[in-house]
Amino acid sequence: MTEELLVEILKDAFTNAFIILLPILAVAMIVGIIVSIFQAVTSIQEMTLTFVPKIFLTVLTVVVLLPWIIDRLTTFTEKYFTMFITLIR
C-alpha cells in the first residue's frame, strides 16, 4: 500500500463524512437561527426553547436521510473492501 493510496482513502473517507453530515448540520443551524430570531423578537429567553426543536428536527433529518446515509456508507465500504482484496492477492 503506497502513501498515495492511503491519502486517497483518507480523502474519500473525510469527503464522505462531510457530505453525510452537511445536511444534518445545516438543518440544526437553520433551526437554531430561526429560534434565535424568534427569541429576540418575542423576548422569550427560555433555554429549552433552543434545544427541543433543534434536537427534534435533527433526529427527524437523520431518520429521513437514513436510507441515503446507509447507501453512501455501503458503497464506500464495498469499494474499499474489494480494493483491499485485490491488493492482498
PDB file of N, CA and C in Angstrom:
ATOM      1  N   MET A   1       0.858  -1.177   0.000  1.00  0.00           N
ATOM      2  CA  MET A   1       0.000   0.000   0.000  1.00  0.00           C
ATOM      3  C   MET A   1       0.901   1.237   0.000  1.00  0.00           C
ATOM      4  N   THR A   2       0.713   2.069  -0.983  1.00  0.00           N
ATOM      5  CA  THR A   2       1.546   3.262  -1.114  1.00  0.00           C
ATOM      6  C   THR A   2       0.945   4.421  -0.329  1.00  0.00           C
ATOM      7  N   GLU A   3       1.749   5.448  -0.181  1.00  0.00           N
ATOM      8  CA  GLU A   3       1.285   6.642   0.530  1.00  0.00           C
ATOM      9  C   GLU A   3       0.162   7.334  -0.241  1.00  0.00           C
ATOM     10  N   GLU A   4       0.254   7.336  -1.563  1.00  0.00           N
ATOM     11  CA  GLU A   4      -0.779   7.978  -2.380  1.00  0.00           C
ATOM     12  C   GLU A   4      -2.125   7.293  -2.213  1.00  0.00           C
ATOM     13  N   LEU A   5      -2.100   5.968  -2.143  1.00  0.00           N
ATOM     14  CA  LEU A   5      -3.338   5.214  -1.953  1.00  0.00           C
ATOM     15  C   LEU A   5      -3.948   5.496  -0.582  1.00  0.00           C
ATOM     16  N   LEU A   6      -3.091   5.554   0.424  1.00  0.00           N
ATOM     17  CA  LEU A   6      -3.577   5.857   1.766  1.00  0.00           C
ATOM     18  C   LEU A   6      -4.171   7.261   1.844  1.00  0.00           C
ATOM     19  N   VAL A   7      -3.524   8.218   1.208  1.00  0.00           N
ATOM     20  CA  VAL A   7      -4.052   9.585   1.177  1.00  0.00           C
ATOM     21  C   VAL A   7      -5.383   9.626   0.437  1.00  0.00           C
ATOM     22  N   GLU A   8      -5.501   8.874  -0.653  1.00  0.00           N
ATOM     23  CA  GLU A   8      -6.763   8.830  -1.400  1.00  0.00           C
ATOM     24  C   GLU A   8      -7.890   8.232  -0.556  1.00  0.00           C
ATOM     25  N   ILE A   9      -7.583   7.173   0.187  1.00  0.00           N
ATOM     26  CA  ILE A   9      -8.591   6.539   1.036  1.00  0.00           C
ATOM     27  C   ILE A   9      -9.047   7.496   2.131  1.00  0.00           C
ATOM     28  N   LEU A  10      -8.100   8.153   2.773  1.00  0.00           N
ATOM     29  CA  LEU A  10      -8.456   9.104   3.834  1.00  0.00           C
ATOM     30  C   LEU A  10      -9.229  10.298   3.286  1.00  0.00           C
ATOM     31  N   LYS A  11      -8.825  10.787   2.116  1.00  0.00           N
ATOM     32  CA  LYS A  11      -9.542  11.901   1.495  1.00  0.00           C
ATOM     33  C   LYS A  11     -10.981  11.508   1.172  1.00  0.00           C
ATOM     34  N   ASP A  12     -11.157  10.311   0.650  1.00  0.00           N
ATOM     35  CA  ASP A  12     -12.501   9.823   0.329  1.00  0.00           C
ATOM     36  C   ASP A  12     -13.332   9.622   1.596  1.00  0.00           C
ATOM     37  N   ALA A  13     -12.705   9.142   2.651  1.00  0.00           N
ATOM     38  CA  ALA A  13     -13.426   8.945   3.912  1.00  0.00           C
ATOM     39  C   ALA A  13     -13.877  10.280   4.497  1.00  0.00           C
ATOM     40  N   PHE A  14     -12.993  11.268   4.518  1.00  0.00           N
ATOM     41  CA  PHE A  14     -13.366  12.583   5.046  1.00  0.00           C
ATOM     42  C   PHE A  14     -14.411  13.271   4.162  1.00  0.00           C
ATOM     43  N   THR A  15     -14.302  13.095   2.857  1.00  0.00           N
ATOM     44  CA  THR A  15     -15.292  13.678   1.950  1.00  0.00           C
ATOM     45  C   THR A  15     -16.664  13.063   2.178  1.00  0.00           C
ATOM     46  N   ASN A  16     -16.705  11.738   2.315  1.00  0.00           N
ATOM     47  CA  ASN A  16     -17.979  11.079   2.585  1.00  0.00           C
ATOM     48  C   ASN A  16     -18.562  11.517   3.919  1.00  0.00           C
ATOM     49  N   ALA A  17     -17.733  11.622   4.941  1.00  0.00           N
ATOM     50  CA  ALA A  17     -18.212  12.069   6.251  1.00  0.00           C
ATOM     51  C   ALA A  17     -18.773  13.485   6.159  1.00  0.00           C
ATOM     52  N   PHE A  18     -18.083  14.359   5.434  1.00  0.00           N
ATOM     53  CA  PHE A  18     -18.544  15.734   5.279  1.00  0.00           C
ATOM     54  C   PHE A  18     -19.869  15.798   4.526  1.00  0.00           C
ATOM     55  N   ILE A  19     -19.985  15.020   3.451  1.00  0.00           N
ATOM     56  CA  ILE A  19     -21.219  15.033   2.655  1.00  0.00           C
ATOM     57  C   ILE A  19     -22.392  14.472   3.451  1.00  0.00           C
ATOM     58  N   ILE A  20     -22.141  13.453   4.267  1.00  0.00           N
ATOM     59  CA  ILE A  20     -23.204  12.864   5.075  1.00  0.00           C
ATOM     60  C   ILE A  20     -23.644  13.824   6.188  1.00  0.00           C
ATOM     61  N   LEU A  21     -22.694  14.498   6.813  1.00  0.00           N
ATOM     62  CA  LEU A  21     -23.028  15.365   7.943  1.00  0.00           C
ATOM     63  C   LEU A  21     -23.541  16.739   7.540  1.00  0.00           C
ATOM     64  N   LEU A  22     -23.246  17.171   6.324  1.00  0.00           N
ATOM     65  CA  LEU A  22     -23.626  18.515   5.894  1.00  0.00           C
ATOM     66  C   LEU A  22     -25.129  18.796   5.998  1.00  0.00           C
ATOM     67  N   PRO A  23     -26.030  17.951   5.492  1.00  0.00           N
ATOM     68  CA  PRO A  23     -27.458  18.276   5.618  1.00  0.00           C
ATOM     69  C   PRO A  23     -27.944  18.265   7.065  1.00  0.00           C
ATOM     70  N   ILE A  24     -27.398  17.391   7.888  1.00  0.00           N
ATOM     71  CA  ILE A  24     -27.812  17.320   9.292  1.00  0.00           C
ATOM     72  C   ILE A  24     -27.382  18.582  10.023  1.00  0.00           C
ATOM     73  N   LEU A  25     -26.150  19.000   9.817  1.00  0.00           N
ATOM     74  CA  LEU A  25     -25.668  20.214  10.466  1.00  0.00           C
ATOM     75  C   LEU A  25     -26.360  21.460   9.924  1.00  0.00           C
ATOM     76  N   ALA A  26     -26.696  21.454   8.641  1.00  0.00           N
ATOM     77  CA  ALA A  26     -27.398  22.604   8.057  1.00  0.00           C
ATOM     78  C   ALA A  26     -28.778  22.766   8.675  1.00  0.00           C
ATOM     79  N   VAL A  27     -29.494  21.649   8.870  1.00  0.00           N
ATOM     80  CA  VAL A  27     -30.816  21.729   9.498  1.00  0.00           C
ATOM     81  C   VAL A  27     -30.691  22.249  10.925  1.00  0.00           C
ATOM     82  N   ALA A  28     -29.720  21.753  11.677  1.00  0.00           N
ATOM     83  CA  ALA A  28     -29.534  22.213  13.050  1.00  0.00           C
ATOM     84  C   ALA A  28     -29.198  23.705  13.088  1.00  0.00           C
ATOM     85  N   MET A  29     -28.374  24.163  12.153  1.00  0.00           N
ATOM     86  CA  MET A  29     -28.001  25.573  12.123  1.00  0.00           C
ATOM     87  C   MET A  29     -29.191  26.455  11.747  1.00  0.00           C
ATOM     88  N   ILE A  30     -29.947  26.052  10.736  1.00  0.00           N
ATOM     89  CA  ILE A  30     -31.097  26.852  10.304  1.00  0.00           C
ATOM     90  C   ILE A  30     -32.149  26.926  11.406  1.00  0.00           C
ATOM     91  N   VAL A  31     -32.417  25.801  12.062  1.00  0.00           N
ATOM     92  CA  VAL A  31     -33.385  25.812  13.161  1.00  0.00           C
ATOM     93  C   VAL A  31     -32.887  26.683  14.303  1.00  0.00           C
ATOM     94  N   GLY A  32     -31.602  26.613  14.603  1.00  0.00           N
ATOM     95  CA  GLY A  32     -31.035  27.456  15.657  1.00  0.00           C
ATOM     96  C   GLY A  32     -31.166  28.942  15.350  1.00  0.00           C
ATOM     97  N   ILE A  33     -30.934  29.311  14.095  1.00  0.00           N
ATOM     98  CA  ILE A  33     -31.063  30.721  13.703  1.00  0.00           C
ATOM     99  C   ILE A  33     -32.523  31.175  13.797  1.00  0.00           C
ATOM    100  N   ILE A  34     -33.441  30.330  13.331  1.00  0.00           N
ATOM    101  CA  ILE A  34     -34.865  30.686  13.388  1.00  0.00           C
ATOM    102  C   ILE A  34     -35.338  30.839  14.825  1.00  0.00           C
ATOM    103  N   VAL A  35     -34.926  29.917  15.691  1.00  0.00           N
ATOM    104  CA  VAL A  35     -35.323  30.001  17.100  1.00  0.00           C
ATOM    105  C   VAL A  35     -34.698  31.227  17.757  1.00  0.00           C
ATOM    106  N   SER A  36     -33.459  31.545  17.420  1.00  0.00           N
ATOM    107  CA  SER A  36     -32.811  32.729  17.975  1.00  0.00           C
ATOM    108  C   SER A  36     -33.518  34.017  17.553  1.00  0.00           C
ATOM    109  N   ILE A  37     -33.916  34.078  16.282  1.00  0.00           N
ATOM    110  CA  ILE A  37     -34.664  35.255  15.819  1.00  0.00           C
ATOM    111  C   ILE A  37     -36.003  35.341  16.537  1.00  0.00           C
ATOM    112  N   PHE A  38     -36.677  34.205  16.695  1.00  0.00           N
ATOM    113  CA  PHE A  38     -37.948  34.175  17.417  1.00  0.00           C
ATOM    114  C   PHE A  38     -37.765  34.637  18.855  1.00  0.00           C
ATOM    115  N   GLN A  39     -36.699  34.199  19.512  1.00  0.00           N
ATOM    116  CA  GLN A  39     -36.447  34.627  20.891  1.00  0.00           C
ATOM    117  C   GLN A  39     -36.135  36.113  20.965  1.00  0.00           C
ATOM    118  N   ALA A  40     -35.412  36.625  20.002  1.00  0.00           N
ATOM    119  CA  ALA A  40     -35.075  38.051  20.012  1.00  0.00           C
ATOM    120  C   ALA A  40     -36.313  38.910  19.776  1.00  0.00           C
ATOM    121  N   VAL A  41     -37.211  38.452  18.912  1.00  0.00           N
ATOM    122  CA  VAL A  41     -38.413  39.225  18.607  1.00  0.00           C
ATOM    123  C   VAL A  41     -39.391  39.216  19.777  1.00  0.00           C
ATOM    124  N   THR A  42     -39.548  38.065  20.406  1.00  0.00           N
ATOM    125  CA  THR A  42     -40.552  37.938  21.467  1.00  0.00           C
ATOM    126  C   THR A  42     -39.995  38.156  22.864  1.00  0.00           C
ATOM    127  N   SER A  43     -38.698  38.320  23.003  1.00  0.00           N
ATOM    128  CA  SER A  43     -38.016  38.492  24.292  1.00  0.00           C
ATOM    129  C   SER A  43     -38.229  37.299  25.220  1.00  0.00           C
ATOM    130  N   ILE A  44     -38.420  36.138  24.666  1.00  0.00           N
ATOM    131  CA  ILE A  44     -38.509  34.909  25.450  1.00  0.00           C
ATOM    132  C   ILE A  44     -37.095  34.339  25.553  1.00  0.00           C
ATOM    133  N   GLN A  45     -36.610  34.159  26.765  1.00  0.00           N
ATOM    134  CA  GLN A  45     -35.254  33.660  26.962  1.00  0.00           C
ATOM    135  C   GLN A  45     -35.261  32.284  27.617  1.00  0.00           C
ATOM    136  N   GLU A  46     -36.123  31.423  27.158  1.00  0.00           N
ATOM    137  CA  GLU A  46     -36.219  30.060  27.694  1.00  0.00           C
ATOM    138  C   GLU A  46     -35.155  29.196  27.035  1.00  0.00           C
ATOM    139  N   MET A  47     -34.329  28.530  27.844  1.00  0.00           N
ATOM    140  CA  MET A  47     -33.231  27.726  27.311  1.00  0.00           C
ATOM    141  C   MET A  47     -33.721  26.463  26.592  1.00  0.00           C
ATOM    142  N   THR A  48     -34.801  25.871  27.083  1.00  0.00           N
ATOM    143  CA  THR A  48     -35.285  24.646  26.440  1.00  0.00           C
ATOM    144  C   THR A  48     -35.884  24.932  25.067  1.00  0.00           C
ATOM    145  N   LEU A  49     -36.263  26.168  24.818  1.00  0.00           N
ATOM    146  CA  LEU A  49     -36.819  26.530  23.515  1.00  0.00           C
ATOM    147  C   LEU A  49     -35.784  26.374  22.406  1.00  0.00           C
ATOM    148  N   THR A  50     -34.513  26.495  22.736  1.00  0.00           N
ATOM    149  CA  THR A  50     -33.485  26.325  21.714  1.00  0.00           C
ATOM    150  C   THR A  50     -33.155  24.856  21.477  1.00  0.00           C
ATOM    151  N   PHE A  51     -33.221  24.041  22.521  1.00  0.00           N
ATOM    152  CA  PHE A  51     -32.780  22.656  22.390  1.00  0.00           C
ATOM    153  C   PHE A  51     -33.831  21.729  21.806  1.00  0.00           C
ATOM    154  N   VAL A  52     -35.056  21.850  22.247  1.00  0.00           N
ATOM    155  CA  VAL A  52     -36.091  20.893  21.851  1.00  0.00           C
ATOM    156  C   VAL A  52     -36.346  20.897  20.339  1.00  0.00           C
ATOM    157  N   PRO A  53     -36.597  22.038  19.704  1.00  0.00           N
ATOM    158  CA  PRO A  53     -36.820  21.988  18.243  1.00  0.00           C
ATOM    159  C   PRO A  53     -35.575  21.533  17.479  1.00  0.00           C
ATOM    160  N   LYS A  54     -34.404  21.956  17.950  1.00  0.00           N
ATOM    161  CA  LYS A  54     -33.171  21.587  17.262  1.00  0.00           C
ATOM    162  C   LYS A  54     -32.936  20.075  17.336  1.00  0.00           C
ATOM    163  N   ILE A  55     -33.118  19.501  18.508  1.00  0.00           N
ATOM    164  CA  ILE A  55     -32.930  18.054  18.661  1.00  0.00           C
ATOM    165  C   ILE A  55     -33.984  17.298  17.867  1.00  0.00           C
ATOM    166  N   PHE A  56     -35.239  17.732  17.957  1.00  0.00           N
ATOM    167  CA  PHE A  56     -36.318  17.048  17.248  1.00  0.00           C
ATOM    168  C   PHE A  56     -36.093  17.053  15.744  1.00  0.00           C
ATOM    169  N   LEU A  57     -35.782  18.205  15.183  1.00  0.00           N
ATOM    170  CA  LEU A  57     -35.602  18.284  13.728  1.00  0.00           C
ATOM    171  C   LEU A  57     -34.307  17.623  13.259  1.00  0.00           C
ATOM    172  N   THR A  58     -33.290  17.618  14.099  1.00  0.00           N
ATOM    173  CA  THR A  58     -32.060  16.916  13.750  1.00  0.00           C
ATOM    174  C   THR A  58     -32.292  15.413  13.697  1.00  0.00           C
ATOM    175  N   VAL A  59     -32.991  14.881  14.694  1.00  0.00           N
ATOM    176  CA  VAL A  59     -33.310  13.452  14.696  1.00  0.00           C
ATOM    177  C   VAL A  59     -34.218  13.111  13.512  1.00  0.00           C
ATOM    178  N   LEU A  60     -35.189  13.968  13.228  1.00  0.00           N
ATOM    179  CA  LEU A  60     -36.070  13.746  12.084  1.00  0.00           C
ATOM    180  C   LEU A  60     -35.283  13.739  10.772  1.00  0.00           C
ATOM    181  N   THR A  61     -34.312  14.633  10.646  1.00  0.00           N
ATOM    182  CA  THR A  61     -33.475  14.673   9.455  1.00  0.00           C
ATOM    183  C   THR A  61     -32.660  13.396   9.307  1.00  0.00           C
ATOM    184  N   VAL A  62     -32.108  12.914  10.409  1.00  0.00           N
ATOM    185  CA  VAL A  62     -31.334  11.668  10.357  1.00  0.00           C
ATOM    186  C   VAL A  62     -32.229  10.503   9.943  1.00  0.00           C
ATOM    187  N   VAL A  63     -33.439  10.448  10.494  1.00  0.00           N
ATOM    188  CA  VAL A  63     -34.363   9.360  10.152  1.00  0.00           C
ATOM    189  C   VAL A  63     -34.755   9.430   8.679  1.00  0.00           C
ATOM    190  N   VAL A  64     -35.026  10.627   8.182  1.00  0.00           N
ATOM    191  CA  VAL A  64     -35.422  10.779   6.773  1.00  0.00           C
ATOM    192  C   VAL A  64     -34.258  10.447   5.843  1.00  0.00           C
ATOM    193  N   LEU A  65     -33.048  10.837   6.210  1.00  0.00           N
ATOM    194  CA  LEU A  65     -31.884  10.619   5.349  1.00  0.00           C
ATOM    195  C   LEU A  65     -31.198   9.279   5.581  1.00  0.00           C
ATOM    196  N   LEU A  66     -31.701   8.476   6.505  1.00  0.00           N
ATOM    197  CA  LEU A  66     -31.043   7.220   6.837  1.00  0.00           C
ATOM    198  C   LEU A  66     -30.846   6.282   5.649  1.00  0.00           C
ATOM    199  N   PRO A  67     -31.821   6.096   4.760  1.00  0.00           N
ATOM    200  CA  PRO A  67     -31.547   5.232   3.594  1.00  0.00           C
ATOM    201  C   PRO A  67     -30.413   5.756   2.721  1.00  0.00           C
ATOM    202  N   TRP A  68     -30.352   7.057   2.523  1.00  0.00           N
ATOM    203  CA  TRP A  68     -29.289   7.657   1.722  1.00  0.00           C
ATOM    204  C   TRP A  68     -27.936   7.503   2.426  1.00  0.00           C
ATOM    205  N   ILE A  69     -27.919   7.697   3.742  1.00  0.00           N
ATOM    206  CA  ILE A  69     -26.679   7.556   4.512  1.00  0.00           C
ATOM    207  C   ILE A  69     -26.177   6.117   4.439  1.00  0.00           C
ATOM    208  N   ILE A  70     -27.083   5.169   4.622  1.00  0.00           N
ATOM    209  CA  ILE A  70     -26.691   3.760   4.566  1.00  0.00           C
ATOM    210  C   ILE A  70     -26.177   3.394   3.186  1.00  0.00           C
ATOM    211  N   ASP A  71     -26.829   3.905   2.142  1.00  0.00           N
ATOM    212  CA  ASP A  71     -26.378   3.631   0.773  1.00  0.00           C
ATOM    213  C   ASP A  71     -24.979   4.181   0.540  1.00  0.00           C
ATOM    214  N   ARG A  72     -24.736   5.397   1.000  1.00  0.00           N
ATOM    215  CA  ARG A  72     -23.413   6.014   0.827  1.00  0.00           C
ATOM    216  C   ARG A  72     -22.331   5.237   1.557  1.00  0.00           C
ATOM    217  N   LEU A  73     -22.619   4.860   2.799  1.00  0.00           N
ATOM    218  CA  LEU A  73     -21.631   4.120   3.583  1.00  0.00           C
ATOM    219  C   LEU A  73     -21.405   2.717   3.028  1.00  0.00           C
ATOM    220  N   THR A  74     -22.463   2.091   2.535  1.00  0.00           N
ATOM    221  CA  THR A  74     -22.324   0.760   1.943  1.00  0.00           C
ATOM    222  C   THR A  74     -21.481   0.813   0.675  1.00  0.00           C
ATOM    223  N   THR A  75     -21.722   1.805  -0.159  1.00  0.00           N
ATOM    224  CA  THR A  75     -20.937   1.974  -1.383  1.00  0.00           C
ATOM    225  C   THR A  75     -19.464   2.208  -1.056  1.00  0.00           C
ATOM    226  N   PHE A  76     -19.211   3.053  -0.080  1.00  0.00           N
ATOM    227  CA  PHE A  76     -17.836   3.339   0.345  1.00  0.00           C
ATOM    228  C   PHE A  76     -17.155   2.070   0.853  1.00  0.00           C
ATOM    229  N   THR A  77     -17.850   1.327   1.703  1.00  0.00           N
ATOM    230  CA  THR A  77     -17.281   0.114   2.284  1.00  0.00           C
ATOM    231  C   THR A  77     -17.021  -0.946   1.222  1.00  0.00           C
ATOM    232  N   GLU A  78     -17.982  -1.160   0.332  1.00  0.00           N
ATOM    233  CA  GLU A  78     -17.796  -2.159  -0.726  1.00  0.00           C
ATOM    234  C   GLU A  78     -16.638  -1.790  -1.643  1.00  0.00           C
ATOM    235  N   LYS A  79     -16.512  -0.511  -1.958  1.00  0.00           N
ATOM    236  CA  LYS A  79     -15.429  -0.060  -2.836  1.00  0.00           C
ATOM    237  C   LYS A  79     -14.069  -0.396  -2.237  1.00  0.00           C
ATOM    238  N   TYR A  80     -13.883  -0.090  -0.963  1.00  0.00           N
ATOM    239  CA  TYR A  80     -12.573  -0.304  -0.368  1.00  0.00           C
ATOM    240  C   TYR A  80     -12.342  -1.739   0.069  1.00  0.00           C
ATOM    241  N   PHE A  81     -13.378  -2.494   0.391  1.00  0.00           N
ATOM    242  CA  PHE A  81     -13.180  -3.916   0.678  1.00  0.00           C
ATOM    243  C   PHE A  81     -12.750  -4.655  -0.587  1.00  0.00           C
ATOM    244  N   THR A  82     -13.370  -4.355  -1.712  1.00  0.00           N
ATOM    245  CA  THR A  82     -12.955  -5.010  -2.956  1.00  0.00           C
ATOM    246  C   THR A  82     -11.542  -4.569  -3.372  1.00  0.00           C
ATOM    247  N   MET A  83     -11.207  -3.322  -3.099  1.00  0.00           N
ATOM    248  CA  MET A  83      -9.866  -2.843  -3.419  1.00  0.00           C
ATOM    249  C   MET A  83      -8.838  -3.529  -2.517  1.00  0.00           C
ATOM    250  N   PHE A  84      -9.135  -3.709  -1.248  1.00  0.00           N
ATOM    251  CA  PHE A  84      -8.209  -4.362  -0.338  1.00  0.00           C
ATOM    252  C   PHE A  84      -8.012  -5.827  -0.722  1.00  0.00           C
ATOM    253  N   ILE A  85      -9.069  -6.469  -1.181  1.00  0.00           N
ATOM    254  CA  ILE A  85      -8.950  -7.870  -1.603  1.00  0.00           C
ATOM    255  C   ILE A  85      -8.019  -7.988  -2.796  1.00  0.00           C
ATOM    256  N   THR A  86      -8.131  -7.050  -3.742  1.00  0.00           N
ATOM    257  CA  THR A  86      -7.228  -7.100  -4.907  1.00  0.00           C
ATOM    258  C   THR A  86      -5.800  -6.748  -4.508  1.00  0.00           C
ATOM    259  N   LEU A  87      -5.601  -5.909  -3.500  1.00  0.00           N
ATOM    260  CA  LEU A  87      -4.254  -5.567  -3.054  1.00  0.00           C
ATOM    261  C   LEU A  87      -3.599  -6.725  -2.323  1.00  0.00           C
ATOM    262  N   ILE A  88      -4.373  -7.525  -1.609  1.00  0.00           N
ATOM    263  CA  ILE A  88      -3.820  -8.633  -0.843  1.00  0.00           C
ATOM    264  C   ILE A  88      -3.317  -9.726  -1.777  1.00  0.00           C
ATOM    265  N   ARG A  89      -3.996  -9.951  -2.887  1.00  0.00           N
ATOM    266  CA  ARG A  89      -3.603 -11.021  -3.817  1.00  0.00           C
ATOM    267  C   ARG A  89      -2.323 -10.760  -4.482  1.00  0.00           C
TER     268      ARG A  89
END
